Amino acid sequence: MSHWRLNNPRVSRVKSALARRVKHKPRHAFCAERAITALLGELTASTSRQFYWSGTSELAVMSVKHDVNVWCRDGRFFWNDLFQGGTISHPASDPAGAAAMLNPFAYSPEPSYRSQPVAA
């Protein structure tokens, strides 16, 4: 003997209509948290500094150094360049390339403006 709610054809149609309307992310969808942890792994391999990060599957942020934060969203890393100005965007599929750009030792040192002795 079955219950009337379990074998009701209308309930089955309503459930299947609801299931068609609900859109789930595919398993291969981009995950910002995974991308930022990959970048974190690349940066910690090259420096001993401590990094802070937080995020979800849609948006993640990491603090690289004072006034430099990296956001990961929509398959890209974003950060503000302190030396040249402006916002830099880099694909999240290349965390090694982004780490090379963010590595503080990759930048050339500031030129020295000390006065040089003049030969007489």
PDB file of N, CA and C in Angstrom:
ATOM      1  N   MET A   1       0.834  -1.171   0.000  1.00  0.00           N
ATOM      2  CA  MET A   1       0.000   0.000   0.000  1.00  0.00           C
ATOM      3  C   MET A   1       0.885   1.243   0.000  1.00  0.00           C
ATOM      4  N   SER A   2       0.547   2.172  -0.847  1.00  0.00           N
ATOM      5  CA  SER A   2       1.376   3.367  -0.957  1.00  0.00           C
ATOM      6  C   SER A   2       0.602   4.589  -0.488  1.00  0.00           C
ATOM      7  N   HIS A   3       1.342   5.599  -0.197  1.00  0.00           N
ATOM      8  CA  HIS A   3       0.754   6.841   0.271  1.00  0.00           C
ATOM      9  C   HIS A   3       0.414   7.720  -0.925  1.00  0.00           C
ATOM     10  N   TRP A   4      -0.628   8.519  -0.830  1.00  0.00           N
ATOM     11  CA  TRP A   4      -1.077   9.314  -1.978  1.00  0.00           C
ATOM     12  C   TRP A   4      -0.084  10.399  -2.354  1.00  0.00           C
ATOM     13  N   ARG A   5       0.716  10.911  -1.396  1.00  0.00           N
ATOM     14  CA  ARG A   5       1.684  11.951  -1.728  1.00  0.00           C
ATOM     15  C   ARG A   5       2.907  11.378  -2.454  1.00  0.00           C
ATOM     16  N   LEU A   6       3.244  10.145  -2.186  1.00  0.00           N
ATOM     17  CA  LEU A   6       4.427   9.553  -2.805  1.00  0.00           C
ATOM     18  C   LEU A   6       4.199   9.183  -4.259  1.00  0.00           C
ATOM     19  N   ASN A   7       3.017   8.780  -4.611  1.00  0.00           N
ATOM     20  CA  ASN A   7       2.744   8.339  -5.980  1.00  0.00           C
ATOM     21  C   ASN A   7       1.906   9.326  -6.776  1.00  0.00           C
ATOM     22  N   ASN A   8       1.849  10.555  -6.348  1.00  0.00           N
ATOM     23  CA  ASN A   8       1.062  11.558  -7.042  1.00  0.00           C
ATOM     24  C   ASN A   8       1.840  12.028  -8.276  1.00  0.00           C
ATOM     25  N   PRO A   9       1.298  11.866  -9.483  1.00  0.00           N
ATOM     26  CA  PRO A   9       2.021  12.272 -10.695  1.00  0.00           C
ATOM     27  C   PRO A   9       2.234  13.783 -10.775  1.00  0.00           C
ATOM     28  N   ARG A  10       1.333  14.576 -10.161  1.00  0.00           N
ATOM     29  CA  ARG A  10       1.514  16.026 -10.204  1.00  0.00           C
ATOM     30  C   ARG A  10       2.728  16.454  -9.386  1.00  0.00           C
ATOM     31  N   VAL A  11       2.941  15.816  -8.253  1.00  0.00           N
ATOM     32  CA  VAL A  11       4.096  16.146  -7.422  1.00  0.00           C
ATOM     33  C   VAL A  11       5.385  15.814  -8.174  1.00  0.00           C
ATOM     34  N   SER A  12       5.391  14.724  -8.864  1.00  0.00           N
ATOM     35  CA  SER A  12       6.564  14.338  -9.629  1.00  0.00           C
ATOM     36  C   SER A  12       6.852  15.360 -10.724  1.00  0.00           C
ATOM     37  N   ARG A  13       5.830  15.855 -11.402  1.00  0.00           N
ATOM     38  CA  ARG A  13       6.025  16.864 -12.451  1.00  0.00           C
ATOM     39  C   ARG A  13       6.531  18.176 -11.868  1.00  0.00           C
ATOM     40  N   VAL A  14       6.019  18.560 -10.713  1.00  0.00           N
ATOM     41  CA  VAL A  14       6.462  19.811 -10.080  1.00  0.00           C
ATOM     42  C   VAL A  14       7.929  19.701  -9.670  1.00  0.00           C
ATOM     43  N   LYS A  15       8.307  18.578  -9.104  1.00  0.00           N
ATOM     44  CA  LYS A  15       9.701  18.394  -8.694  1.00  0.00           C
ATOM     45  C   LYS A  15      10.644  18.411  -9.894  1.00  0.00           C
ATOM     46  N   SER A  16      10.263  17.786 -10.967  1.00  0.00           N
ATOM     47  CA  SER A  16      11.132  17.777 -12.135  1.00  0.00           C
ATOM     48  C   SER A  16      11.199  19.162 -12.782  1.00  0.00           C
ATOM     49  N   ALA A  17      10.106  19.938 -12.731  1.00  0.00           N
ATOM     50  CA  ALA A  17      10.132  21.302 -13.261  1.00  0.00           C
ATOM     51  C   ALA A  17      11.050  22.179 -12.410  1.00  0.00           C
ATOM     52  N   LEU A  18      11.009  21.998 -11.105  1.00  0.00           N
ATOM     53  CA  LEU A  18      11.900  22.761 -10.231  1.00  0.00           C
ATOM     54  C   LEU A  18      13.352  22.364 -10.465  1.00  0.00           C
ATOM     55  N   ALA A  19      13.594  21.107 -10.672  1.00  0.00           N
ATOM     56  CA  ALA A  19      14.952  20.647 -10.901  1.00  0.00           C
ATOM     57  C   ALA A  19      15.515  21.213 -12.197  1.00  0.00           C
ATOM     58  N   ARG A  20      14.683  21.412 -13.203  1.00  0.00           N
ATOM     59  CA  ARG A  20      15.155  21.988 -14.462  1.00  0.00           C
ATOM     60  C   ARG A  20      15.485  23.466 -14.304  1.00  0.00           C
ATOM     61  N   ARG A  21      14.783  24.171 -13.411  1.00  0.00           N
ATOM     62  CA  ARG A  21      15.021  25.601 -13.233  1.00  0.00           C
ATOM     63  C   ARG A  21      16.264  25.899 -12.409  1.00  0.00           C
ATOM     64  N   VAL A  22      16.599  25.056 -11.479  1.00  0.00           N
ATOM     65  CA  VAL A  22      17.752  25.294 -10.613  1.00  0.00           C
ATOM     66  C   VAL A  22      19.015  24.979 -11.391  1.00  0.00           C
ATOM     67  N   LYS A  23      19.887  25.972 -11.494  1.00  0.00           N
ATOM     68  CA  LYS A  23      21.138  25.796 -12.223  1.00  0.00           C
ATOM     69  C   LYS A  23      22.267  25.619 -11.217  1.00  0.00           C
ATOM     70  N   HIS A  24      22.949  24.511 -11.315  1.00  0.00           N
ATOM     71  CA  HIS A  24      24.086  24.246 -10.464  1.00  0.00           C
ATOM     72  C   HIS A  24      25.362  24.493 -11.261  1.00  0.00           C
ATOM     73  N   LYS A  25      26.402  24.904 -10.538  1.00  0.00           N
ATOM     74  CA  LYS A  25      27.679  25.091 -11.204  1.00  0.00           C
ATOM     75  C   LYS A  25      28.232  23.734 -11.604  1.00  0.00           C
ATOM     76  N   PRO A  26      28.814  23.643 -12.775  1.00  0.00           N
ATOM     77  CA  PRO A  26      29.427  22.373 -13.157  1.00  0.00           C
ATOM     78  C   PRO A  26      30.647  22.085 -12.288  1.00  0.00           C
ATOM     79  N   ARG A  27      31.048  20.844 -12.225  1.00  0.00           N
ATOM     80  CA  ARG A  27      32.172  20.464 -11.377  1.00  0.00           C
ATOM     81  C   ARG A  27      33.477  21.110 -11.826  1.00  0.00           C
ATOM     82  N   HIS A  28      33.590  21.420 -13.098  1.00  0.00           N
ATOM     83  CA  HIS A  28      34.822  22.005 -13.613  1.00  0.00           C
ATOM     84  C   HIS A  28      34.807  23.533 -13.573  1.00  0.00           C
ATOM     85  N   ALA A  29      33.861  24.131 -12.859  1.00  0.00           N
ATOM     86  CA  ALA A  29      33.759  25.586 -12.794  1.00  0.00           C
ATOM     87  C   ALA A  29      34.985  26.168 -12.085  1.00  0.00           C
ATOM     88  N   PHE A  30      35.307  27.417 -12.397  1.00  0.00           N
ATOM     89  CA  PHE A  30      36.450  28.099 -11.804  1.00  0.00           C
ATOM     90  C   PHE A  30      36.247  28.295 -10.314  1.00  0.00           C
ATOM     91  N   CYS A  31      37.278  28.053  -9.527  1.00  0.00           N
ATOM     92  CA  CYS A  31      37.230  28.230  -8.073  1.00  0.00           C
ATOM     93  C   CYS A  31      38.339  29.209  -7.683  1.00  0.00           C
ATOM     94  N   ALA A  32      37.946  30.396  -7.224  1.00  0.00           N
ATOM     95  CA  ALA A  32      38.917  31.430  -6.865  1.00  0.00           C
ATOM     96  C   ALA A  32      39.765  31.002  -5.677  1.00  0.00           C
ATOM     97  N   GLU A  33      39.184  30.243  -4.765  1.00  0.00           N
ATOM     98  CA  GLU A  33      39.929  29.804  -3.584  1.00  0.00           C
ATOM     99  C   GLU A  33      41.085  28.874  -3.974  1.00  0.00           C
ATOM    100  N   ARG A  34      40.837  27.978  -4.918  1.00  0.00           N
ATOM    101  CA  ARG A  34      41.916  27.089  -5.382  1.00  0.00           C
ATOM    102  C   ARG A  34      43.002  27.871  -6.103  1.00  0.00           C
ATOM    103  N   ALA A  35      42.609  28.860  -6.886  1.00  0.00           N
ATOM    104  CA  ALA A  35      43.593  29.658  -7.630  1.00  0.00           C
ATOM    105  C   ALA A  35      44.460  30.476  -6.678  1.00  0.00           C
ATOM    106  N   ILE A  36      43.859  31.057  -5.637  1.00  0.00           N
ATOM    107  CA  ILE A  36      44.639  31.881  -4.718  1.00  0.00           C
ATOM    108  C   ILE A  36      45.553  31.016  -3.855  1.00  0.00           C
ATOM    109  N   THR A  37      45.132  29.787  -3.542  1.00  0.00           N
ATOM    110  CA  THR A  37      46.033  28.904  -2.791  1.00  0.00           C
ATOM    111  C   THR A  37      47.186  28.422  -3.674  1.00  0.00           C
ATOM    112  N   ALA A  38      46.953  28.269  -4.981  1.00  0.00           N
ATOM    113  CA  ALA A  38      48.044  27.926  -5.897  1.00  0.00           C
ATOM    114  C   ALA A  38      49.052  29.075  -5.975  1.00  0.00           C
ATOM    115  N   LEU A  39      48.550  30.312  -6.028  1.00  0.00           N
ATOM    116  CA  LEU A  39      49.435  31.476  -6.027  1.00  0.00           C
ATOM    117  C   LEU A  39      50.174  31.574  -4.696  1.00  0.00           C
ATOM    118  N   LEU A  40      49.497  31.293  -3.616  1.00  0.00           N
ATOM    119  CA  LEU A  40      50.122  31.305  -2.292  1.00  0.00           C
ATOM    120  C   LEU A  40      51.257  30.286  -2.225  1.00  0.00           C
ATOM    121  N   GLY A  41      51.038  29.105  -2.779  1.00  0.00           N
ATOM    122  CA  GLY A  41      52.086  28.091  -2.809  1.00  0.00           C
ATOM    123  C   GLY A  41      53.299  28.529  -3.611  1.00  0.00           C
ATOM    124  N   GLU A  42      53.062  29.220  -4.721  1.00  0.00           N
ATOM    125  CA  GLU A  42      54.172  29.713  -5.540  1.00  0.00           C
ATOM    126  C   GLU A  42      54.950  30.807  -4.816  1.00  0.00           C
ATOM    127  N   LEU A  43      54.244  31.691  -4.103  1.00  0.00           N
ATOM    128  CA  LEU A  43      54.920  32.781  -3.410  1.00  0.00           C
ATOM    129  C   LEU A  43      55.673  32.297  -2.173  1.00  0.00           C
ATOM    130  N   THR A  44      55.109  31.350  -1.449  1.00  0.00           N
ATOM    131  CA  THR A  44      55.798  30.859  -0.254  1.00  0.00           C
ATOM    132  C   THR A  44      57.031  30.038  -0.617  1.00  0.00           C
ATOM    133  N   ALA A  45      57.083  29.502  -1.825  1.00  0.00           N
ATOM    134  CA  ALA A  45      58.272  28.761  -2.256  1.00  0.00           C
ATOM    135  C   ALA A  45      59.454  29.696  -2.482  1.00  0.00           C
ATOM    136  N   SER A  46      59.188  30.965  -2.792  1.00  0.00           N
ATOM    137  CA  SER A  46      60.270  31.890  -3.106  1.00  0.00           C
ATOM    138  C   SER A  46      60.614  32.843  -1.965  1.00  0.00           C
ATOM    139  N   THR A  47      59.792  32.942  -0.948  1.00  0.00           N
ATOM    140  CA  THR A  47      60.064  33.847   0.168  1.00  0.00           C
ATOM    141  C   THR A  47      59.562  33.226   1.465  1.00  0.00           C
ATOM    142  N   SER A  48      60.113  33.672   2.561  1.00  0.00           N
ATOM    143  CA  SER A  48      59.719  33.112   3.862  1.00  0.00           C
ATOM    144  C   SER A  48      58.704  33.992   4.582  1.00  0.00           C
ATOM    145  N   ARG A  49      58.207  34.985   3.922  1.00  0.00           N
ATOM    146  CA  ARG A  49      57.262  35.910   4.541  1.00  0.00           C
ATOM    147  C   ARG A  49      55.912  35.239   4.746  1.00  0.00           C
ATOM    148  N   GLN A  50      55.163  35.702   5.750  1.00  0.00           N
ATOM    149  CA  GLN A  50      53.835  35.155   6.021  1.00  0.00           C
ATOM    150  C   GLN A  50      52.793  35.912   5.206  1.00  0.00           C
ATOM    151  N   PHE A  51      51.860  35.166   4.609  1.00  0.00           N
ATOM    152  CA  PHE A  51      50.800  35.760   3.798  1.00  0.00           C
ATOM    153  C   PHE A  51      49.455  35.492   4.456  1.00  0.00           C
ATOM    154  N   TYR A  52      48.531  36.405   4.266  1.00  0.00           N
ATOM    155  CA  TYR A  52      47.176  36.247   4.784  1.00  0.00           C
ATOM    156  C   TYR A  52      46.224  36.166   3.601  1.00  0.00           C
ATOM    157  N   TRP A  53      45.262  35.258   3.665  1.00  0.00           N
ATOM    158  CA  TRP A  53      44.321  35.114   2.563  1.00  0.00           C
ATOM    159  C   TRP A  53      42.981  34.627   3.088  1.00  0.00           C
ATOM    160  N   SER A  54      41.962  34.872   2.313  1.00  0.00           N
ATOM    161  CA  SER A  54      40.619  34.397   2.607  1.00  0.00           C
ATOM    162  C   SER A  54      39.842  34.384   1.303  1.00  0.00           C
ATOM    163  N   GLY A  55      38.824  33.527   1.244  1.00  0.00           N
ATOM    164  CA  GLY A  55      38.057  33.531   0.018  1.00  0.00           C
ATOM    165  C   GLY A  55      37.005  32.459  -0.050  1.00  0.00           C
ATOM    166  N   THR A  56      36.249  32.541  -1.117  1.00  0.00           N
ATOM    167  CA  THR A  56      35.216  31.568  -1.441  1.00  0.00           C
ATOM    168  C   THR A  56      35.481  31.096  -2.863  1.00  0.00           C
ATOM    169  N   SER A  57      34.560  30.334  -3.395  1.00  0.00           N
ATOM    170  CA  SER A  57      34.750  29.836  -4.758  1.00  0.00           C
ATOM    171  C   SER A  57      34.600  30.940  -5.800  1.00  0.00           C
ATOM    172  N   GLU A  58      33.944  32.035  -5.463  1.00  0.00           N
ATOM    173  CA  GLU A  58      33.736  33.111  -6.436  1.00  0.00           C
ATOM    174  C   GLU A  58      34.733  34.256  -6.312  1.00  0.00           C
ATOM    175  N   LEU A  59      35.187  34.550  -5.089  1.00  0.00           N
ATOM    176  CA  LEU A  59      36.099  35.667  -4.870  1.00  0.00           C
ATOM    177  C   LEU A  59      37.061  35.308  -3.754  1.00  0.00           C
ATOM    178  N   ALA A  60      38.345  35.583  -3.968  1.00  0.00           N
ATOM    179  CA  ALA A  60      39.361  35.349  -2.946  1.00  0.00           C
ATOM    180  C   ALA A  60      40.324  36.520  -2.948  1.00  0.00           C
ATOM    181  N   VAL A  61      40.895  36.807  -1.789  1.00  0.00           N
ATOM    182  CA  VAL A  61      41.840  37.920  -1.658  1.00  0.00           C
ATOM    183  C   VAL A  61      43.019  37.453  -0.814  1.00  0.00           C
ATOM    184  N   MET A  62      44.201  37.980  -1.153  1.00  0.00           N
ATOM    185  CA  MET A  62      45.417  37.636  -0.428  1.00  0.00           C
ATOM    186  C   MET A  62      46.230  38.908  -0.245  1.00  0.00           C
ATOM    187  N   SER A  63      46.796  39.085   0.957  1.00  0.00           N
ATOM    188  CA  SER A  63      47.660  40.217   1.236  1.00  0.00           C
ATOM    189  C   SER A  63      49.097  39.798   0.986  1.00  0.00           C
ATOM    190  N   VAL A  64      49.748  40.426   0.026  1.00  0.00           N
ATOM    191  CA  VAL A  64      51.106  40.068  -0.347  1.00  0.00           C
ATOM    192  C   VAL A  64      52.116  40.839   0.488  1.00  0.00           C
ATOM    193  N   LYS A  65      51.976  42.144   0.538  1.00  0.00           N
ATOM    194  CA  LYS A  65      52.798  42.995   1.384  1.00  0.00           C
ATOM    195  C   LYS A  65      52.007  44.263   1.670  1.00  0.00           C
ATOM    196  N   HIS A  66      52.601  45.198   2.377  1.00  0.00           N
ATOM    197  CA  HIS A  66      51.895  46.414   2.761  1.00  0.00           C
ATOM    198  C   HIS A  66      51.338  47.126   1.522  1.00  0.00           C
ATOM    199  N   ASP A  67      50.059  47.349   1.513  1.00  0.00           N
ATOM    200  CA  ASP A  67      49.334  48.034   0.425  1.00  0.00           C
ATOM    201  C   ASP A  67      49.278  47.250  -0.881  1.00  0.00           C
ATOM    202  N   VAL A  68      49.602  45.969  -0.884  1.00  0.00           N
ATOM    203  CA  VAL A  68      49.466  45.160  -2.094  1.00  0.00           C
ATOM    204  C   VAL A  68      48.593  43.953  -1.768  1.00  0.00           C
ATOM    205  N   ASN A  69      47.372  43.977  -2.279  1.00  0.00           N
ATOM    206  CA  ASN A  69      46.427  42.876  -2.120  1.00  0.00           C
ATOM    207  C   ASN A  69      46.095  42.316  -3.490  1.00  0.00           C
ATOM    208  N   VAL A  70      45.975  41.003  -3.562  1.00  0.00           N
ATOM    209  CA  VAL A  70      45.649  40.336  -4.818  1.00  0.00           C
ATOM    210  C   VAL A  70      44.240  39.783  -4.708  1.00  0.00           C
ATOM    211  N   TRP A  71      43.399  40.146  -5.660  1.00  0.00           N
ATOM    212  CA  TRP A  71      42.045  39.620  -5.730  1.00  0.00           C
ATOM    213  C   TRP A  71      41.987  38.599  -6.847  1.00  0.00           C
ATOM    214  N   CYS A  72      41.211  37.574  -6.651  1.00  0.00           N
ATOM    215  CA  CYS A  72      41.002  36.579  -7.693  1.00  0.00           C
ATOM    216  C   CYS A  72      39.505  36.478  -7.942  1.00  0.00           C
ATOM    217  N   ARG A  73      39.115  36.750  -9.184  1.00  0.00           N
ATOM    218  CA  ARG A  73      37.699  36.742  -9.545  1.00  0.00           C
ATOM    219  C   ARG A  73      37.591  36.507 -11.043  1.00  0.00           C
ATOM    220  N   ASP A  74      36.612  35.733 -11.438  1.00  0.00           N
ATOM    221  CA  ASP A  74      36.317  35.493 -12.856  1.00  0.00           C
ATOM    222  C   ASP A  74      37.524  34.968 -13.636  1.00  0.00           C
ATOM    223  N   GLY A  75      38.334  34.129 -13.001  1.00  0.00           N
ATOM    224  CA  GLY A  75      39.449  33.517 -13.699  1.00  0.00           C
ATOM    225  C   GLY A  75      40.667  34.397 -13.865  1.00  0.00           C
ATOM    226  N   ARG A  76      40.765  35.496 -13.096  1.00  0.00           N
ATOM    227  CA  ARG A  76      41.901  36.405 -13.221  1.00  0.00           C
ATOM    228  C   ARG A  76      42.346  36.867 -11.844  1.00  0.00           C
ATOM    229  N   PHE A  77      43.653  37.169 -11.736  1.00  0.00           N
ATOM    230  CA  PHE A  77      44.216  37.831 -10.562  1.00  0.00           C
ATOM    231  C   PHE A  77      44.271  39.324 -10.855  1.00  0.00           C
ATOM    232  N   PHE A  78      43.962  40.141  -9.841  1.00  0.00           N
ATOM    233  CA  PHE A  78      44.030  41.597  -9.972  1.00  0.00           C
ATOM    234  C   PHE A  78      44.814  42.154  -8.795  1.00  0.00           C
ATOM    235  N   TRP A  79      45.684  43.130  -9.058  1.00  0.00           N
ATOM    236  CA  TRP A  79      46.355  43.854  -7.990  1.00  0.00           C
ATOM    237  C   TRP A  79      46.773  45.212  -8.506  1.00  0.00           C
ATOM    238  N   ASN A  80      47.029  46.147  -7.576  1.00  0.00           N
ATOM    239  CA  ASN A  80      47.479  47.487  -7.921  1.00  0.00           C
ATOM    240  C   ASN A  80      49.001  47.518  -7.867  1.00  0.00           C
ATOM    241  N   ASP A  81      49.605  48.008  -8.924  1.00  0.00           N
ATOM    242  CA  ASP A  81      51.053  48.092  -8.992  1.00  0.00           C
ATOM    243  C   ASP A  81      51.492  49.397  -8.345  1.00  0.00           C
ATOM    244  N   LEU A  82      52.329  49.296  -7.314  1.00  0.00           N
ATOM    245  CA  LEU A  82      52.791  50.487  -6.609  1.00  0.00           C
ATOM    246  C   LEU A  82      53.887  51.217  -7.367  1.00  0.00           C
ATOM    247  N   PHE A  83      54.644  50.508  -8.200  1.00  0.00           N
ATOM    248  CA  PHE A  83      55.786  51.116  -8.865  1.00  0.00           C
ATOM    249  C   PHE A  83      55.392  51.837 -10.150  1.00  0.00           C
ATOM    250  N   GLN A  84      54.519  51.236 -10.949  1.00  0.00           N
ATOM    251  CA  GLN A  84      54.145  51.831 -12.223  1.00  0.00           C
ATOM    252  C   GLN A  84      52.749  52.425 -12.203  1.00  0.00           C
ATOM    253  N   GLY A  85      51.983  52.160 -11.161  1.00  0.00           N
ATOM    254  CA  GLY A  85      50.619  52.661 -11.059  1.00  0.00           C
ATOM    255  C   GLY A  85      49.666  51.848 -11.914  1.00  0.00           C
ATOM    256  N   GLY A  86      48.420  51.889 -11.578  1.00  0.00           N
ATOM    257  CA  GLY A  86      47.412  51.176 -12.341  1.00  0.00           C
ATOM    258  C   GLY A  86      47.154  49.782 -11.805  1.00  0.00           C
ATOM    259  N   THR A  87      46.122  49.166 -12.338  1.00  0.00           N
ATOM    260  CA  THR A  87      45.724  47.833 -11.934  1.00  0.00           C
ATOM    261  C   THR A  87      46.276  46.817 -12.921  1.00  0.00           C
ATOM    262  N   ILE A  88      46.849  45.753 -12.397  1.00  0.00           N
ATOM    263  CA  ILE A  88      47.399  44.693 -13.233  1.00  0.00           C
ATOM    264  C   ILE A  88      46.458  43.502 -13.160  1.00  0.00           C
ATOM    265  N   SER A  89      46.220  42.883 -14.296  1.00  0.00           N
ATOM    266  CA  SER A  89      45.380  41.698 -14.396  1.00  0.00           C
ATOM    267  C   SER A  89      46.217  40.579 -14.995  1.00  0.00           C
ATOM    268  N   HIS A  90      46.082  39.390 -14.418  1.00  0.00           N
ATOM    269  CA  HIS A  90      46.854  38.232 -14.886  1.00  0.00           C
ATOM    270  C   HIS A  90      45.950  37.009 -14.847  1.00  0.00           C
ATOM    271  N   PRO A  91      46.047  36.099 -15.802  1.00  0.00           N
ATOM    272  CA  PRO A  91      45.174  34.923 -15.788  1.00  0.00           C
ATOM    273  C   PRO A  91      45.438  34.036 -14.566  1.00  0.00           C
ATOM    274  N   ALA A  92      44.370  33.559 -13.944  1.00  0.00           N
ATOM    275  CA  ALA A  92      44.493  32.719 -12.756  1.00  0.00           C
ATOM    276  C   ALA A  92      44.995  31.327 -13.104  1.00  0.00           C
ATOM    277  N   SER A  93      44.979  30.963 -14.367  1.00  0.00           N
ATOM    278  CA  SER A  93      45.488  29.651 -14.771  1.00  0.00           C
ATOM    279  C   SER A  93      47.015  29.613 -14.765  1.00  0.00           C
ATOM    280  N   ASP A  94      47.670  30.763 -14.541  1.00  0.00           N
ATOM    281  CA  ASP A  94      49.129  30.834 -14.506  1.00  0.00           C
ATOM    282  C   ASP A  94      49.590  31.431 -13.178  1.00  0.00           C
ATOM    283  N   PRO A  95      49.490  30.681 -12.060  1.00  0.00           N
ATOM    284  CA  PRO A  95      49.918  31.247 -10.780  1.00  0.00           C
ATOM    285  C   PRO A  95      51.428  31.467 -10.706  1.00  0.00           C
ATOM    286  N   ALA A  96      52.216  30.682 -11.432  1.00  0.00           N
ATOM    287  CA  ALA A  96      53.671  30.871 -11.419  1.00  0.00           C
ATOM    288  C   ALA A  96      54.044  32.210 -12.055  1.00  0.00           C
ATOM    289  N   GLY A  97      53.386  32.563 -13.136  1.00  0.00           N
ATOM    290  CA  GLY A  97      53.647  33.852 -13.775  1.00  0.00           C
ATOM    291  C   GLY A  97      53.236  35.018 -12.906  1.00  0.00           C
ATOM    292  N   ALA A  98      52.103  34.881 -12.229  1.00  0.00           N
ATOM    293  CA  ALA A  98      51.658  35.937 -11.322  1.00  0.00           C
ATOM    294  C   ALA A  98      52.610  36.061 -10.141  1.00  0.00           C
ATOM    295  N   ALA A  99      53.105  34.935  -9.633  1.00  0.00           N
ATOM    296  CA  ALA A  99      54.050  34.976  -8.520  1.00  0.00           C
ATOM    297  C   ALA A  99      55.345  35.651  -8.935  1.00  0.00           C
ATOM    298  N   ALA A 100      55.784  35.418 -10.164  1.00  0.00           N
ATOM    299  CA  ALA A 100      56.998  36.076 -10.648  1.00  0.00           C
ATOM    300  C   ALA A 100      56.797  37.579 -10.744  1.00  0.00           C
ATOM    301  N   MET A 101      55.611  37.999 -11.119  1.00  0.00           N
ATOM    302  CA  MET A 101      55.336  39.434 -11.196  1.00  0.00           C
ATOM    303  C   MET A 101      55.184  40.055  -9.810  1.00  0.00           C
ATOM    304  N   LEU A 102      54.697  39.276  -8.848  1.00  0.00           N
ATOM    305  CA  LEU A 102      54.475  39.794  -7.498  1.00  0.00           C
ATOM    306  C   LEU A 102      55.688  39.650  -6.582  1.00  0.00           C
ATOM    307  N   ASN A 103      56.658  38.858  -6.969  1.00  0.00           N
ATOM    308  CA  ASN A 103      57.816  38.629  -6.122  1.00  0.00           C
ATOM    309  C   ASN A 103      58.532  39.956  -5.877  1.00  0.00           C
ATOM    310  N   PRO A 104      58.698  40.340  -4.610  1.00  0.00           N
ATOM    311  CA  PRO A 104      59.316  41.650  -4.346  1.00  0.00           C
ATOM    312  C   PRO A 104      60.771  41.726  -4.795  1.00  0.00           C
ATOM    313  N   PHE A 105      61.427  40.581  -4.958  1.00  0.00           N
ATOM    314  CA  PHE A 105      62.810  40.594  -5.404  1.00  0.00           C
ATOM    315  C   PHE A 105      62.919  40.629  -6.919  1.00  0.00           C
ATOM    316  N   ALA A 106      61.816  40.504  -7.616  1.00  0.00           N
ATOM    317  CA  ALA A 106      61.842  40.540  -9.073  1.00  0.00           C
ATOM    318  C   ALA A 106      61.948  41.968  -9.598  1.00  0.00           C
ATOM    319  N   TYR A 107      61.559  42.924  -8.766  1.00  0.00           N
ATOM    320  CA  TYR A 107      61.650  44.316  -9.195  1.00  0.00           C
ATOM    321  C   TYR A 107      63.098  44.783  -9.115  1.00  0.00           C
ATOM    322  N   SER A 108      63.471  45.617 -10.061  1.00  0.00           N
ATOM    323  CA  SER A 108      64.832  46.148 -10.030  1.00  0.00           C
ATOM    324  C   SER A 108      64.920  47.157  -8.889  1.00  0.00           C
ATOM    325  N   PRO A 109      66.073  47.249  -8.235  1.00  0.00           N
ATOM    326  CA  PRO A 109      66.202  48.184  -7.121  1.00  0.00           C
ATOM    327  C   PRO A 109      66.142  49.626  -7.615  1.00  0.00           C
ATOM    328  N   GLU A 110      65.766  50.494  -6.711  1.00  0.00           N
ATOM    329  CA  GLU A 110      65.704  51.917  -7.040  1.00  0.00           C
ATOM    330  C   GLU A 110      67.122  52.413  -7.345  1.00  0.00           C
ATOM    331  N   PRO A 111      67.258  53.296  -8.322  1.00  0.00           N
ATOM    332  CA  PRO A 111      68.593  53.815  -8.628  1.00  0.00           C
ATOM    333  C   PRO A 111      69.112  54.670  -7.478  1.00  0.00           C
ATOM    334  N   SER A 112      70.388  54.615  -7.285  1.00  0.00           N
ATOM    335  CA  SER A 112      71.023  55.391  -6.233  1.00  0.00           C
ATOM    336  C   SER A 112      71.405  56.749  -6.801  1.00  0.00           C
ATOM    337  N   TYR A 113      71.075  57.809  -6.054  1.00  0.00           N
ATOM    338  CA  TYR A 113      71.364  59.161  -6.520  1.00  0.00           C
ATOM    339  C   TYR A 113      72.451  59.814  -5.673  1.00  0.00           C
ATOM    340  N   ARG A 114      73.391  59.018  -5.193  1.00  0.00           N
ATOM    341  CA  ARG A 114      74.495  59.590  -4.415  1.00  0.00           C
ATOM    342  C   ARG A 114      75.435  60.326  -5.372  1.00  0.00           C
ATOM    343  N   SER A 115      76.002  61.349  -4.866  1.00  0.00           N
ATOM    344  CA  SER A 115      76.930  62.104  -5.722  1.00  0.00           C
ATOM    345  C   SER A 115      78.222  61.316  -5.884  1.00  0.00           C
ATOM    346  N   GLN A 116      78.692  61.248  -7.086  1.00  0.00           N
ATOM    347  CA  GLN A 116      79.929  60.549  -7.404  1.00  0.00           C
ATOM    348  C   GLN A 116      81.076  61.569  -7.412  1.00  0.00           C
ATOM    349  N   PRO A 117      82.237  61.156  -6.921  1.00  0.00           N
ATOM    350  CA  PRO A 117      83.374  62.094  -6.983  1.00  0.00           C
ATOM    351  C   PRO A 117      83.769  62.353  -8.440  1.00  0.00           C
ATOM    352  N   VAL A 118      84.019  63.571  -8.722  1.00  0.00           N
ATOM    353  CA  VAL A 118      84.368  63.972 -10.079  1.00  0.00           C
ATOM    354  C   VAL A 118      85.889  63.922 -10.227  1.00  0.00           C
ATOM    355  N   ALA A 119      86.329  63.239 -11.281  1.00  0.00           N
ATOM    356  CA  ALA A 119      87.771  63.158 -11.518  1.00  0.00           C
ATOM    357  C   ALA A 119      88.267  64.496 -12.034  1.00  0.00           C
ATOM    358  N   ALA A 120      89.380  64.983 -11.483  1.00  0.00           N
ATOM    359  CA  ALA A 120      89.908  66.290 -11.891  1.00  0.00           C
ATOM    360  C   ALA A 120      90.966  66.186 -12.943  1.00  0.00           C
TER     361      ALA A 120
END
